[in-house]
Amino acid sequence: MATQTEMKEYLTQKVEPDLLFAWSSNDVEVEMQYSLALVKITSLGRFASIEDDKDAFKKLMVETCSIEEESIAGKVALADLITAWNTAKTMSKAEIENKAMSSVGIAIKV
């Protein structure tokens, strides 16, 4: 497996800054961010829309990030990923609304 430094470098090169923000602000571990980036979950919109249902999202994260969901560490990791997913959905919705308003000439202050 790659070192922490290599993972961070890869993430910086391949993942959109908004998604990195959503992950890091919700304490998603670098190893999990890296696992997601390796399967091309590299944009905020893709992460936000990869699943519609929380249980399906959890299942996908358990498989993709090799999380032991019965352990305390696994439960914490899943909680962080779910919180990041919810953050991403909110950020993505706000971005779409802002673009829509901009297209009709209404500026939104964030």
C-alpha atoms as a PDB file:
ATOM      1  CA  MET A   1       0.000   0.000   0.000  1.00  0.00           C
ATOM      2  CA  ALA A   2       1.040   3.567  -0.600  1.00  0.00           C
ATOM      3  CA  THR A   3       2.511   5.672   2.180  1.00  0.00           C
ATOM      4  CA  GLN A   4       0.490   8.497   3.760  1.00  0.00           C
ATOM      5  CA  THR A   5       2.542  11.007   1.768  1.00  0.00           C
ATOM      6  CA  GLU A   6       1.906   9.161  -1.507  1.00  0.00           C
ATOM      7  CA  MET A   7      -1.808   8.897  -0.736  1.00  0.00           C
ATOM      8  CA  LYS A   8      -2.077  12.612   0.029  1.00  0.00           C
ATOM      9  CA  GLU A   9      -0.210  13.485  -3.160  1.00  0.00           C
ATOM     10  CA  TYR A  10      -2.511  11.251  -5.221  1.00  0.00           C
ATOM     11  CA  LEU A  11      -5.595  12.769  -3.578  1.00  0.00           C
ATOM     12  CA  THR A  12      -4.367  16.292  -4.274  1.00  0.00           C
ATOM     13  CA  GLN A  13      -3.787  15.432  -7.938  1.00  0.00           C
ATOM     14  CA  LYS A  14      -6.961  13.432  -8.617  1.00  0.00           C
ATOM     15  CA  VAL A  15      -9.734  14.633  -6.307  1.00  0.00           C
ATOM     16  CA  GLU A  16     -11.686  17.881  -6.616  1.00  0.00           C
ATOM     17  CA  PRO A  17     -10.967  20.345  -3.790  1.00  0.00           C
ATOM     18  CA  ASP A  18     -14.640  20.515  -2.741  1.00  0.00           C
ATOM     19  CA  LEU A  19     -14.723  16.769  -2.159  1.00  0.00           C
ATOM     20  CA  LEU A  20     -11.429  16.837  -0.276  1.00  0.00           C
ATOM     21  CA  PHE A  21     -12.950  19.533   1.916  1.00  0.00           C
ATOM     22  CA  ALA A  22     -16.093  17.456   2.565  1.00  0.00           C
ATOM     23  CA  TRP A  23     -13.972  14.440   3.505  1.00  0.00           C
ATOM     24  CA  SER A  24     -11.405  16.235   5.648  1.00  0.00           C
ATOM     25  CA  SER A  25     -13.925  18.443   7.468  1.00  0.00           C
ATOM     26  CA  ASN A  26     -15.758  15.270   8.505  1.00  0.00           C
ATOM     27  CA  ASP A  27     -12.638  13.377   9.625  1.00  0.00           C
ATOM     28  CA  VAL A  28     -12.672  10.745   6.860  1.00  0.00           C
ATOM     29  CA  GLU A  29      -9.340   8.949   7.157  1.00  0.00           C
ATOM     30  CA  VAL A  30      -6.799   9.412   4.365  1.00  0.00           C
ATOM     31  CA  GLU A  31      -6.763   5.669   3.684  1.00  0.00           C
ATOM     32  CA  MET A  32     -10.505   5.710   3.022  1.00  0.00           C
ATOM     33  CA  GLN A  33     -10.263   8.820   0.869  1.00  0.00           C
ATOM     34  CA  TYR A  34      -7.553   7.052  -1.118  1.00  0.00           C
ATOM     35  CA  SER A  35      -9.652   3.884  -1.507  1.00  0.00           C
ATOM     36  CA  LEU A  36     -12.530   5.967  -2.849  1.00  0.00           C
ATOM     37  CA  ALA A  37     -10.300   7.931  -5.223  1.00  0.00           C
ATOM     38  CA  LEU A  38      -8.873   4.690  -6.627  1.00  0.00           C
ATOM     39  CA  VAL A  39     -12.375   3.699  -7.796  1.00  0.00           C
ATOM     40  CA  LYS A  40     -12.874   7.126  -9.387  1.00  0.00           C
ATOM     41  CA  ILE A  41     -14.977   8.710  -6.696  1.00  0.00           C
ATOM     42  CA  THR A  42     -13.159  11.978  -7.267  1.00  0.00           C
ATOM     43  CA  SER A  43     -15.861  14.630  -7.601  1.00  0.00           C
ATOM     44  CA  LEU A  44     -18.315  16.071  -5.132  1.00  0.00           C
ATOM     45  CA  GLY A  45     -21.259  15.301  -7.392  1.00  0.00           C
ATOM     46  CA  ARG A  46     -20.240  11.681  -7.900  1.00  0.00           C
ATOM     47  CA  PHE A  47     -19.745  11.094  -4.171  1.00  0.00           C
ATOM     48  CA  ALA A  48     -23.036  12.820  -3.351  1.00  0.00           C
ATOM     49  CA  SER A  49     -25.019  10.809  -5.896  1.00  0.00           C
ATOM     50  CA  ILE A  50     -23.289   7.403  -5.789  1.00  0.00           C
ATOM     51  CA  GLU A  51     -26.244   6.037  -3.796  1.00  0.00           C
ATOM     52  CA  ASP A  52     -29.671   7.419  -2.900  1.00  0.00           C
ATOM     53  CA  ASP A  53     -30.237   5.273   0.161  1.00  0.00           C
ATOM     54  CA  LYS A  54     -28.225   5.412   3.406  1.00  0.00           C
ATOM     55  CA  ASP A  55     -28.109   1.614   3.820  1.00  0.00           C
ATOM     56  CA  ALA A  56     -26.925   1.126   0.234  1.00  0.00           C
ATOM     57  CA  PHE A  57     -24.308   3.837   0.785  1.00  0.00           C
ATOM     58  CA  LYS A  58     -23.083   2.131   3.967  1.00  0.00           C
ATOM     59  CA  LYS A  59     -22.820  -1.217   2.158  1.00  0.00           C
ATOM     60  CA  LEU A  60     -20.846   0.371  -0.664  1.00  0.00           C
ATOM     61  CA  MET A  61     -18.464   2.100   1.765  1.00  0.00           C
ATOM     62  CA  VAL A  62     -17.927  -1.128   3.765  1.00  0.00           C
ATOM     63  CA  GLU A  63     -16.985  -2.935   0.556  1.00  0.00           C
ATOM     64  CA  THR A  64     -14.943  -0.159  -1.058  1.00  0.00           C
ATOM     65  CA  CYS A  65     -13.001   0.890   2.048  1.00  0.00           C
ATOM     66  CA  SER A  66     -12.743  -2.584   3.661  1.00  0.00           C
ATOM     67  CA  ILE A  67     -14.450  -1.428   6.849  1.00  0.00           C
ATOM     68  CA  GLU A  68     -15.156  -3.865   9.673  1.00  0.00           C
ATOM     69  CA  GLU A  69     -18.583  -2.475  10.443  1.00  0.00           C
ATOM     70  CA  GLU A  70     -19.043  -4.377  13.727  1.00  0.00           C
ATOM     71  CA  SER A  71     -15.991  -2.810  15.384  1.00  0.00           C
ATOM     72  CA  ILE A  72     -16.049   0.569  17.134  1.00  0.00           C
ATOM     73  CA  ALA A  73     -13.430   1.880  14.697  1.00  0.00           C
ATOM     74  CA  GLY A  74     -15.555   0.690  11.796  1.00  0.00           C
ATOM     75  CA  LYS A  75     -18.692   2.314  13.194  1.00  0.00           C
ATOM     76  CA  VAL A  76     -16.816   5.606  13.635  1.00  0.00           C
ATOM     77  CA  ALA A  77     -15.414   5.391  10.095  1.00  0.00           C
ATOM     78  CA  LEU A  78     -18.891   4.755   8.691  1.00  0.00           C
ATOM     79  CA  ALA A  79     -20.332   7.633  10.705  1.00  0.00           C
ATOM     80  CA  ASP A  80     -17.639   9.950   9.314  1.00  0.00           C
ATOM     81  CA  LEU A  81     -18.327   8.775   5.749  1.00  0.00           C
ATOM     82  CA  ILE A  82     -22.100   9.201   6.153  1.00  0.00           C
ATOM     83  CA  THR A  83     -21.615  12.695   7.554  1.00  0.00           C
ATOM     84  CA  ALA A  84     -19.290  13.530   4.642  1.00  0.00           C
ATOM     85  CA  TRP A  85     -21.850  12.094   2.198  1.00  0.00           C
ATOM     86  CA  ASN A  86     -24.583  14.290   3.693  1.00  0.00           C
ATOM     87  CA  THR A  87     -22.251  17.292   3.534  1.00  0.00           C
ATOM     88  CA  ALA A  88     -21.480  16.514  -0.106  1.00  0.00           C
ATOM     89  CA  LYS A  89     -25.174  16.253  -0.964  1.00  0.00           C
ATOM     90  CA  THR A  90     -25.840  19.643   0.643  1.00  0.00           C
ATOM     91  CA  MET A  91     -22.833  21.250  -1.051  1.00  0.00           C
ATOM     92  CA  SER A  92     -23.765  19.753  -4.422  1.00  0.00           C
ATOM     93  CA  LYS A  93     -27.359  20.981  -4.157  1.00  0.00           C
ATOM     94  CA  ALA A  94     -26.175  24.485  -3.220  1.00  0.00           C
ATOM     95  CA  GLU A  95     -23.737  24.498  -6.148  1.00  0.00           C
ATOM     96  CA  ILE A  96     -26.491  23.502  -8.601  1.00  0.00           C
ATOM     97  CA  GLU A  97     -28.845  26.159  -7.217  1.00  0.00           C
ATOM     98  CA  ASN A  98     -26.122  28.801  -7.431  1.00  0.00           C
ATOM     99  CA  LYS A  99     -25.368  27.890 -11.057  1.00  0.00           C
ATOM    100  CA  ALA A 100     -29.078  27.975 -11.897  1.00  0.00           C
ATOM    101  CA  MET A 101     -29.497  31.416 -10.365  1.00  0.00           C
ATOM    102  CA  SER A 102     -26.346  32.662 -12.085  1.00  0.00           C
ATOM    103  CA  SER A 103     -27.669  31.477 -15.432  1.00  0.00           C
ATOM    104  CA  VAL A 104     -30.688  33.754 -15.030  1.00  0.00           C
ATOM    105  CA  GLY A 105     -28.609  36.665 -13.771  1.00  0.00           C
ATOM    106  CA  ILE A 106     -29.222  36.425 -10.024  1.00  0.00           C
ATOM    107  CA  ALA A 107     -26.080  36.470  -7.902  1.00  0.00           C
ATOM    108  CA  ILE A 108     -26.134  34.580  -4.620  1.00  0.00           C
ATOM    109  CA  LYS A 109     -23.823  35.586  -1.799  1.00  0.00           C
ATOM    110  CA  VAL A 110     -22.416  32.643   0.113  1.00  0.00           C
END
